[in-house]
């Protein structure tokens, strides 16, 4: 019986954490949000582009993950899920992502990697993946760019929070 891939970024991230903890990569330091960037990429490859006007793939991904998106509610999420009953039956699998993370660790030869290392490794691996068509490869390259933008936004917010906290303390 075919089972669909996970469509929630937070759960996908937990899968990677668990797989890494149980592997020989457990000693490697993985920078904050690196696994989240990988999870964003892999979940995007599994989603279908919504037909509903005004909603893009990133908003859909956020809604599926339980995040609040202005102008949308749980009824909209249910409609999105009903729109494509086979959603999640294709895309990048967790094992591919873990293999690419492992490849990034081996290539760097240092006991730490960050989100950019992971995304670069995912990108490099697309050419070597035999079951990815040229059309899918092009789509996936765009998803890597989206994951990079999402990571940049997360990092920017983290820095702003740290700056405000530091400013409040020194004031």
N, C-alpha and C. Protein backbone atom coordinates (compact mmCIF):
# COMPACT_ATOMS: atom_id res chain seq x y z
N UNK A 1 0.84 -1.17 0.00
CA UNK A 1 0.00 0.00 0.00
C UNK A 1 0.90 1.24 0.00
N UNK A 2 0.74 2.09 -0.99
CA UNK A 2 1.55 3.33 -1.04
C UNK A 2 1.16 4.30 0.09
N UNK A 3 2.18 4.83 0.73
CA UNK A 3 1.95 5.78 1.82
C UNK A 3 2.56 7.11 1.41
N UNK A 4 1.78 8.20 1.55
CA UNK A 4 2.33 9.50 1.12
C UNK A 4 3.43 10.00 2.06
N UNK A 5 4.30 10.83 1.50
CA UNK A 5 5.33 11.47 2.29
C UNK A 5 4.69 12.52 3.21
N UNK A 6 5.41 12.87 4.22
CA UNK A 6 5.00 13.88 5.17
C UNK A 6 4.88 15.25 4.47
N UNK A 7 3.88 16.04 4.86
CA UNK A 7 3.68 17.36 4.25
C UNK A 7 3.81 18.50 5.26
N UNK A 8 4.32 18.18 6.46
CA UNK A 8 4.51 19.22 7.48
C UNK A 8 6.00 19.43 7.71
N UNK A 9 6.44 20.67 7.55
CA UNK A 9 7.87 20.99 7.68
C UNK A 9 8.40 20.63 9.06
N UNK A 10 7.66 20.97 10.11
CA UNK A 10 8.14 20.70 11.47
C UNK A 10 8.32 19.20 11.72
N UNK A 11 7.42 18.38 11.19
CA UNK A 11 7.55 16.93 11.36
C UNK A 11 8.69 16.37 10.51
N UNK A 12 8.87 16.94 9.33
CA UNK A 12 9.98 16.52 8.47
C UNK A 12 11.31 16.81 9.15
N UNK A 13 11.40 17.96 9.77
CA UNK A 13 12.61 18.34 10.50
C UNK A 13 12.89 17.34 11.63
N UNK A 14 11.85 16.93 12.32
CA UNK A 14 12.01 15.95 13.40
C UNK A 14 12.49 14.60 12.87
N UNK A 15 12.03 14.23 11.68
CA UNK A 15 12.48 12.98 11.06
C UNK A 15 13.99 13.04 10.83
N UNK A 16 14.47 14.16 10.29
CA UNK A 16 15.91 14.32 10.04
C UNK A 16 16.70 14.27 11.35
N UNK A 17 16.20 14.96 12.37
CA UNK A 17 16.89 14.95 13.67
C UNK A 17 17.03 13.53 14.19
N UNK A 18 15.95 12.77 14.10
CA UNK A 18 15.97 11.39 14.60
C UNK A 18 16.92 10.53 13.79
N UNK A 19 16.88 10.67 12.47
CA UNK A 19 17.75 9.86 11.62
C UNK A 19 19.22 10.19 11.87
N UNK A 20 19.52 11.45 12.09
CA UNK A 20 20.91 11.86 12.35
C UNK A 20 21.36 11.36 13.71
N UNK A 21 20.47 11.46 14.71
CA UNK A 21 20.81 11.01 16.06
C UNK A 21 21.14 9.52 16.09
N UNK A 22 20.47 8.76 15.23
CA UNK A 22 20.67 7.31 15.20
C UNK A 22 21.76 6.88 14.23
N UNK A 23 22.44 7.84 13.61
CA UNK A 23 23.46 7.50 12.63
C UNK A 23 24.86 7.79 13.19
N UNK A 24 25.85 7.61 12.31
CA UNK A 24 27.22 7.93 12.71
C UNK A 24 27.53 9.41 12.51
N UNK A 25 26.50 10.22 12.21
CA UNK A 25 26.67 11.67 12.08
C UNK A 25 26.29 12.41 13.37
N UNK A 26 25.96 11.67 14.41
CA UNK A 26 25.46 12.27 15.65
C UNK A 26 26.46 13.24 16.28
N UNK A 27 27.75 13.06 16.03
CA UNK A 27 28.78 13.92 16.63
C UNK A 27 28.93 15.26 15.91
N UNK A 28 28.35 15.40 14.74
CA UNK A 28 28.50 16.61 13.93
C UNK A 28 27.55 17.69 14.42
N UNK A 29 28.07 18.91 14.52
CA UNK A 29 27.21 20.04 14.90
C UNK A 29 26.50 20.53 13.64
N UNK A 30 25.19 20.57 13.72
CA UNK A 30 24.39 21.09 12.62
C UNK A 30 23.81 22.41 13.09
N UNK A 31 24.13 23.47 12.37
CA UNK A 31 23.73 24.82 12.75
C UNK A 31 22.20 24.93 12.86
N UNK A 32 21.75 25.84 13.74
CA UNK A 32 20.30 26.03 13.87
C UNK A 32 19.66 26.34 12.51
N UNK A 33 18.52 25.76 12.30
CA UNK A 33 17.67 25.97 11.12
C UNK A 33 18.19 25.31 9.85
N UNK A 34 19.31 24.61 9.90
CA UNK A 34 19.81 23.92 8.71
C UNK A 34 18.87 22.80 8.30
N UNK A 35 18.40 22.04 9.28
CA UNK A 35 17.48 20.95 8.97
C UNK A 35 16.12 21.50 8.54
N UNK A 36 15.75 22.65 9.09
CA UNK A 36 14.49 23.28 8.68
C UNK A 36 14.54 23.69 7.21
N UNK A 37 15.67 24.23 6.77
CA UNK A 37 15.82 24.61 5.37
C UNK A 37 15.68 23.38 4.47
N UNK A 38 16.29 22.27 4.88
CA UNK A 38 16.18 21.03 4.11
C UNK A 38 14.75 20.53 4.11
N UNK A 39 14.07 20.64 5.24
CA UNK A 39 12.68 20.19 5.34
C UNK A 39 11.77 21.04 4.46
N UNK A 40 12.02 22.33 4.42
CA UNK A 40 11.23 23.22 3.56
C UNK A 40 11.37 22.77 2.10
N UNK A 41 12.60 22.53 1.69
CA UNK A 41 12.83 22.08 0.31
C UNK A 41 12.08 20.78 0.03
N UNK A 42 12.26 19.78 0.88
CA UNK A 42 11.67 18.47 0.59
C UNK A 42 10.15 18.51 0.61
N UNK A 43 9.55 19.28 1.52
CA UNK A 43 8.09 19.38 1.55
C UNK A 43 7.58 20.10 0.30
N UNK A 44 8.28 21.14 -0.14
CA UNK A 44 7.86 21.84 -1.36
C UNK A 44 7.83 20.90 -2.56
N UNK A 45 8.75 19.94 -2.63
CA UNK A 45 8.77 19.01 -3.76
C UNK A 45 7.58 18.06 -3.75
N UNK A 46 6.92 17.96 -2.62
CA UNK A 46 5.79 17.03 -2.47
C UNK A 46 4.44 17.69 -2.66
N UNK A 47 4.41 18.99 -2.65
CA UNK A 47 3.15 19.72 -2.74
C UNK A 47 2.76 20.00 -4.18
N UNK A 48 1.46 20.05 -4.42
CA UNK A 48 0.92 20.44 -5.72
C UNK A 48 0.60 21.93 -5.67
N UNK A 49 0.81 22.63 -6.78
CA UNK A 49 0.52 24.05 -6.85
C UNK A 49 -1.00 24.24 -6.73
N UNK A 50 -1.44 25.02 -5.73
CA UNK A 50 -2.88 25.19 -5.52
C UNK A 50 -3.54 25.97 -6.65
N UNK A 51 -4.79 25.61 -6.93
CA UNK A 51 -5.55 26.31 -7.97
C UNK A 51 -6.23 27.55 -7.41
N UNK A 52 -6.41 27.57 -6.09
CA UNK A 52 -7.07 28.69 -5.44
C UNK A 52 -6.25 29.96 -5.62
N UNK A 53 -6.91 31.00 -6.09
CA UNK A 53 -6.21 32.24 -6.36
C UNK A 53 -5.79 32.92 -5.06
N UNK A 54 -4.60 33.51 -5.09
CA UNK A 54 -4.09 34.24 -3.92
C UNK A 54 -3.27 33.40 -2.98
N UNK A 55 -3.16 32.13 -3.25
CA UNK A 55 -2.35 31.28 -2.37
C UNK A 55 -1.23 30.65 -3.20
N UNK A 56 -0.02 30.77 -2.69
CA UNK A 56 1.11 30.17 -3.38
C UNK A 56 1.59 28.95 -2.60
N UNK A 57 2.62 28.33 -3.11
CA UNK A 57 3.13 27.09 -2.51
C UNK A 57 3.67 27.31 -1.10
N UNK A 58 4.31 28.46 -0.86
CA UNK A 58 4.87 28.73 0.47
C UNK A 58 3.75 28.92 1.50
N UNK A 59 2.70 29.64 1.13
CA UNK A 59 1.57 29.80 2.04
C UNK A 59 0.92 28.45 2.33
N UNK A 60 0.79 27.65 1.29
CA UNK A 60 0.20 26.32 1.46
C UNK A 60 1.05 25.48 2.41
N UNK A 61 2.38 25.54 2.24
CA UNK A 61 3.29 24.80 3.11
C UNK A 61 3.12 25.25 4.56
N UNK A 62 3.03 26.56 4.76
CA UNK A 62 2.85 27.09 6.12
C UNK A 62 1.52 26.68 6.72
N UNK A 63 0.47 26.73 5.92
CA UNK A 63 -0.85 26.31 6.42
C UNK A 63 -0.84 24.84 6.82
N UNK A 64 -0.24 23.99 5.99
CA UNK A 64 -0.16 22.57 6.30
C UNK A 64 0.61 22.32 7.59
N UNK A 65 1.58 23.18 7.88
CA UNK A 65 2.41 23.01 9.08
C UNK A 65 1.73 23.58 10.32
N UNK A 66 0.55 24.17 10.15
CA UNK A 66 -0.19 24.69 11.30
C UNK A 66 0.12 26.14 11.62
N UNK A 67 0.90 26.81 10.76
CA UNK A 67 1.20 28.21 10.99
C UNK A 67 -0.01 29.07 10.61
N UNK A 68 -0.06 30.25 11.20
CA UNK A 68 -1.13 31.19 10.88
C UNK A 68 -0.73 32.00 9.66
N UNK A 69 -1.59 32.00 8.67
CA UNK A 69 -1.38 32.79 7.47
C UNK A 69 -2.58 33.73 7.35
N UNK A 70 -2.28 35.01 7.28
CA UNK A 70 -3.33 36.02 7.27
C UNK A 70 -4.32 35.78 6.12
N UNK A 71 -5.60 35.78 6.47
CA UNK A 71 -6.65 35.62 5.48
C UNK A 71 -7.08 34.19 5.24
N UNK A 72 -6.46 33.24 5.94
CA UNK A 72 -6.80 31.83 5.75
C UNK A 72 -7.07 31.17 7.10
N UNK A 73 -7.94 30.14 7.07
CA UNK A 73 -8.27 29.43 8.30
C UNK A 73 -8.27 27.92 8.07
N UNK A 74 -8.72 27.18 9.06
CA UNK A 74 -8.67 25.72 8.97
C UNK A 74 -9.57 25.16 7.87
N UNK A 75 -10.64 25.88 7.54
CA UNK A 75 -11.52 25.44 6.45
C UNK A 75 -10.75 25.48 5.12
N UNK A 76 -9.96 26.54 4.94
CA UNK A 76 -9.14 26.66 3.74
C UNK A 76 -8.13 25.52 3.65
N UNK A 77 -7.57 25.13 4.78
CA UNK A 77 -6.60 24.04 4.80
C UNK A 77 -7.27 22.74 4.34
N UNK A 78 -8.46 22.49 4.84
CA UNK A 78 -9.20 21.28 4.44
C UNK A 78 -9.51 21.30 2.95
N UNK A 79 -9.89 22.46 2.42
CA UNK A 79 -10.17 22.59 0.99
C UNK A 79 -8.91 22.29 0.17
N UNK A 80 -7.77 22.82 0.64
CA UNK A 80 -6.51 22.58 -0.05
C UNK A 80 -6.15 21.10 -0.06
N UNK A 81 -6.39 20.42 1.04
CA UNK A 81 -6.07 18.99 1.13
C UNK A 81 -6.98 18.17 0.23
N UNK A 82 -8.24 18.58 0.10
CA UNK A 82 -9.20 17.84 -0.75
C UNK A 82 -8.92 18.07 -2.23
N UNK A 83 -8.29 19.20 -2.55
CA UNK A 83 -8.03 19.56 -3.94
C UNK A 83 -7.15 18.53 -4.65
N UNK A 84 -6.16 18.00 -3.94
CA UNK A 84 -5.24 17.00 -4.52
C UNK A 84 -5.13 15.81 -3.57
N UNK A 85 -5.99 14.80 -3.75
CA UNK A 85 -5.97 13.65 -2.84
C UNK A 85 -4.66 12.85 -2.88
N UNK A 86 -3.92 12.92 -3.99
CA UNK A 86 -2.67 12.17 -4.11
C UNK A 86 -1.45 12.99 -3.73
N UNK A 87 -1.66 14.14 -3.11
CA UNK A 87 -0.55 15.00 -2.72
C UNK A 87 0.35 14.27 -1.73
N UNK A 88 1.65 14.39 -1.95
CA UNK A 88 2.61 13.73 -1.08
C UNK A 88 3.05 12.37 -1.57
N UNK A 89 2.51 11.94 -2.70
CA UNK A 89 2.87 10.63 -3.23
C UNK A 89 4.13 10.67 -4.09
N UNK A 90 4.66 11.86 -4.29
CA UNK A 90 5.90 12.00 -5.07
C UNK A 90 6.74 13.10 -4.42
N UNK A 91 7.94 13.26 -4.90
CA UNK A 91 8.83 14.28 -4.35
C UNK A 91 10.07 13.65 -3.74
N UNK A 92 10.85 14.48 -3.07
CA UNK A 92 12.11 14.03 -2.48
C UNK A 92 11.83 13.30 -1.16
N UNK A 93 12.48 12.15 -0.98
CA UNK A 93 12.26 11.40 0.25
C UNK A 93 13.31 11.76 1.31
N UNK A 94 12.99 11.49 2.58
CA UNK A 94 13.90 11.84 3.68
C UNK A 94 15.28 11.18 3.57
N UNK A 95 15.33 9.99 3.03
CA UNK A 95 16.62 9.30 2.92
C UNK A 95 17.56 10.04 1.98
N UNK A 96 17.02 10.59 0.90
CA UNK A 96 17.84 11.38 -0.02
C UNK A 96 18.43 12.59 0.71
N UNK A 97 17.62 13.27 1.50
CA UNK A 97 18.08 14.46 2.23
C UNK A 97 19.18 14.08 3.21
N UNK A 98 18.98 13.00 3.94
CA UNK A 98 20.00 12.56 4.90
C UNK A 98 21.29 12.19 4.18
N UNK A 99 21.18 11.55 3.04
CA UNK A 99 22.39 11.21 2.26
C UNK A 99 23.12 12.47 1.81
N UNK A 100 22.37 13.49 1.43
CA UNK A 100 22.99 14.74 0.98
C UNK A 100 23.61 15.50 2.16
N UNK A 101 23.00 15.42 3.33
CA UNK A 101 23.58 16.03 4.53
C UNK A 101 24.89 15.32 4.86
N UNK A 102 24.88 14.00 4.78
CA UNK A 102 26.08 13.22 5.01
C UNK A 102 27.17 13.60 4.01
N UNK A 103 26.77 13.79 2.77
CA UNK A 103 27.72 14.20 1.74
C UNK A 103 28.33 15.56 2.06
N UNK A 104 27.51 16.48 2.56
CA UNK A 104 28.01 17.82 2.94
C UNK A 104 29.01 17.71 4.07
N UNK A 105 28.77 16.83 5.01
CA UNK A 105 29.67 16.65 6.15
C UNK A 105 31.01 16.09 5.67
N UNK A 106 30.95 15.10 4.80
CA UNK A 106 32.16 14.48 4.28
C UNK A 106 32.98 15.48 3.47
N UNK A 107 32.30 16.27 2.64
CA UNK A 107 33.00 17.22 1.78
C UNK A 107 33.70 18.30 2.58
N UNK A 108 33.06 18.78 3.64
CA UNK A 108 33.65 19.88 4.42
C UNK A 108 34.80 19.43 5.31
N UNK A 109 34.77 18.18 5.72
CA UNK A 109 35.81 17.63 6.60
C UNK A 109 35.97 18.43 7.89
N UNK A 110 34.89 19.02 8.36
CA UNK A 110 34.86 19.71 9.65
C UNK A 110 33.65 19.19 10.41
N UNK A 111 33.69 19.29 11.74
CA UNK A 111 32.59 18.72 12.52
C UNK A 111 31.34 19.61 12.63
N UNK A 112 31.10 20.45 11.61
CA UNK A 112 29.88 21.27 11.64
C UNK A 112 29.47 21.65 10.22
N UNK A 113 28.17 21.81 10.04
CA UNK A 113 27.64 22.29 8.76
C UNK A 113 26.52 23.28 9.04
N UNK A 114 26.22 24.11 8.05
CA UNK A 114 25.13 25.08 8.21
C UNK A 114 24.11 24.88 7.09
N UNK A 115 23.08 25.70 7.10
CA UNK A 115 21.98 25.56 6.14
C UNK A 115 22.45 25.72 4.70
N UNK A 116 23.40 26.62 4.47
CA UNK A 116 23.88 26.83 3.11
C UNK A 116 24.64 25.61 2.60
N UNK A 117 25.38 24.95 3.48
CA UNK A 117 26.06 23.71 3.10
C UNK A 117 25.05 22.64 2.71
N UNK A 118 23.99 22.54 3.50
CA UNK A 118 22.95 21.54 3.24
C UNK A 118 22.25 21.83 1.91
N UNK A 119 21.84 23.07 1.70
CA UNK A 119 21.14 23.43 0.46
C UNK A 119 22.05 23.23 -0.76
N UNK A 120 23.31 23.57 -0.63
CA UNK A 120 24.27 23.38 -1.73
C UNK A 120 24.39 21.89 -2.05
N UNK A 121 24.46 21.07 -1.03
CA UNK A 121 24.59 19.64 -1.24
C UNK A 121 23.32 19.07 -1.89
N UNK A 122 22.16 19.55 -1.46
CA UNK A 122 20.91 19.11 -2.08
C UNK A 122 20.90 19.47 -3.56
N UNK A 123 21.34 20.68 -3.86
CA UNK A 123 21.39 21.16 -5.25
C UNK A 123 22.36 20.31 -6.08
N UNK A 124 23.54 20.05 -5.54
CA UNK A 124 24.53 19.26 -6.26
C UNK A 124 24.04 17.84 -6.52
N UNK A 125 23.26 17.30 -5.61
CA UNK A 125 22.78 15.93 -5.73
C UNK A 125 21.67 15.74 -6.75
N UNK A 126 21.02 16.81 -7.14
CA UNK A 126 19.92 16.69 -8.11
C UNK A 126 20.41 16.15 -9.45
N UNK A 127 21.61 16.52 -9.85
CA UNK A 127 22.16 16.05 -11.12
C UNK A 127 22.46 14.56 -11.09
N UNK A 128 22.74 14.04 -9.91
CA UNK A 128 23.12 12.64 -9.77
C UNK A 128 21.93 11.72 -9.50
N UNK A 129 20.76 12.29 -9.25
CA UNK A 129 19.57 11.51 -8.90
C UNK A 129 18.95 10.96 -10.18
N UNK A 130 18.94 9.64 -10.35
CA UNK A 130 18.49 9.07 -11.63
C UNK A 130 17.00 9.21 -11.91
N UNK A 131 16.17 9.31 -10.89
CA UNK A 131 14.72 9.33 -11.13
C UNK A 131 14.14 10.73 -11.26
N UNK A 132 14.99 11.75 -11.24
CA UNK A 132 14.49 13.12 -11.38
C UNK A 132 14.57 13.53 -12.84
N UNK A 133 13.42 13.91 -13.40
CA UNK A 133 13.37 14.34 -14.79
C UNK A 133 13.94 15.76 -14.91
N UNK A 134 14.33 16.16 -16.11
CA UNK A 134 14.83 17.54 -16.28
C UNK A 134 13.81 18.61 -15.85
N UNK A 135 12.52 18.34 -16.10
CA UNK A 135 11.49 19.30 -15.68
C UNK A 135 11.43 19.40 -14.16
N UNK A 136 11.46 18.24 -13.50
CA UNK A 136 11.44 18.23 -12.04
C UNK A 136 12.71 18.88 -11.48
N UNK A 137 13.84 18.64 -12.14
CA UNK A 137 15.11 19.21 -11.69
C UNK A 137 15.01 20.75 -11.68
N UNK A 138 14.41 21.30 -12.72
CA UNK A 138 14.25 22.76 -12.81
C UNK A 138 13.34 23.26 -11.68
N UNK A 139 12.23 22.55 -11.45
CA UNK A 139 11.32 22.92 -10.36
C UNK A 139 12.04 22.85 -9.02
N UNK A 140 12.80 21.78 -8.82
CA UNK A 140 13.49 21.57 -7.54
C UNK A 140 14.55 22.64 -7.30
N UNK A 141 15.20 23.10 -8.37
CA UNK A 141 16.17 24.19 -8.22
C UNK A 141 15.47 25.44 -7.71
N UNK A 142 14.26 25.70 -8.21
CA UNK A 142 13.48 26.83 -7.72
C UNK A 142 13.10 26.65 -6.26
N UNK A 143 12.80 25.42 -5.87
CA UNK A 143 12.44 25.14 -4.47
C UNK A 143 13.64 25.35 -3.55
N UNK A 144 14.83 25.04 -4.03
CA UNK A 144 16.03 25.30 -3.24
C UNK A 144 16.18 26.80 -3.03
N UNK A 145 15.91 27.58 -4.07
CA UNK A 145 15.97 29.05 -3.95
C UNK A 145 14.93 29.55 -2.95
N UNK A 146 13.74 28.97 -2.96
CA UNK A 146 12.70 29.35 -2.01
C UNK A 146 13.13 28.99 -0.59
N UNK A 147 13.69 27.79 -0.42
CA UNK A 147 14.17 27.36 0.90
C UNK A 147 15.26 28.30 1.39
N UNK A 148 16.11 28.76 0.49
CA UNK A 148 17.16 29.71 0.86
C UNK A 148 16.56 31.03 1.33
N UNK A 149 15.54 31.53 0.62
CA UNK A 149 14.87 32.77 1.03
C UNK A 149 14.19 32.61 2.39
N UNK A 150 13.56 31.47 2.59
CA UNK A 150 12.91 31.21 3.88
C UNK A 150 13.95 31.17 5.00
N UNK A 151 15.08 30.51 4.74
CA UNK A 151 16.16 30.46 5.73
C UNK A 151 16.68 31.87 6.02
N UNK A 152 16.88 32.66 4.98
CA UNK A 152 17.35 34.04 5.17
C UNK A 152 16.40 34.82 6.06
N UNK A 153 15.11 34.63 5.85
CA UNK A 153 14.10 35.32 6.66
C UNK A 153 14.16 34.85 8.12
N UNK A 154 14.30 33.55 8.32
CA UNK A 154 14.41 33.01 9.68
C UNK A 154 15.65 33.57 10.37
N UNK A 155 16.78 33.57 9.67
CA UNK A 155 18.03 34.08 10.24
C UNK A 155 17.91 35.57 10.57
N UNK A 156 17.30 36.33 9.68
CA UNK A 156 17.12 37.76 9.90
C UNK A 156 16.27 38.00 11.16
N UNK A 157 15.20 37.24 11.32
CA UNK A 157 14.35 37.38 12.51
C UNK A 157 15.10 37.02 13.79
N UNK A 158 15.93 35.98 13.72
CA UNK A 158 16.72 35.58 14.89
C UNK A 158 17.70 36.68 15.30
N UNK A 159 18.35 37.28 14.31
CA UNK A 159 19.30 38.36 14.60
C UNK A 159 18.57 39.56 15.19
N UNK A 160 17.42 39.90 14.64
CA UNK A 160 16.65 41.03 15.15
C UNK A 160 16.22 40.79 16.59
N UNK A 161 15.77 39.57 16.89
CA UNK A 161 15.38 39.23 18.27
C UNK A 161 16.56 39.37 19.21
N UNK A 162 17.70 38.86 18.80
CA UNK A 162 18.91 38.93 19.64
C UNK A 162 19.33 40.38 19.85
N UNK A 163 19.23 41.19 18.82
CA UNK A 163 19.62 42.59 18.91
C UNK A 163 18.69 43.34 19.88
N UNK A 164 17.39 43.11 19.76
CA UNK A 164 16.43 43.78 20.65
C UNK A 164 16.67 43.35 22.08
N UNK A 165 16.88 42.07 22.32
CA UNK A 165 17.11 41.56 23.66
C UNK A 165 18.40 42.18 24.23
N UNK A 166 19.45 42.20 23.40
CA UNK A 166 20.73 42.76 23.84
C UNK A 166 20.59 44.26 24.13
N UNK A 167 19.84 44.95 23.31
CA UNK A 167 19.64 46.39 23.50
C UNK A 167 18.88 46.66 24.79
N UNK A 168 17.83 45.85 25.04
CA UNK A 168 17.04 46.03 26.27
C UNK A 168 17.89 45.80 27.50
N UNK A 169 18.76 44.78 27.45
CA UNK A 169 19.63 44.49 28.58
C UNK A 169 20.61 45.62 28.86
N UNK A 170 21.23 46.14 27.79
CA UNK A 170 22.21 47.20 28.00
C UNK A 170 21.56 48.54 28.34
N UNK A 171 20.32 48.74 27.92
CA UNK A 171 19.61 49.97 28.26
C UNK A 171 19.24 49.94 29.73
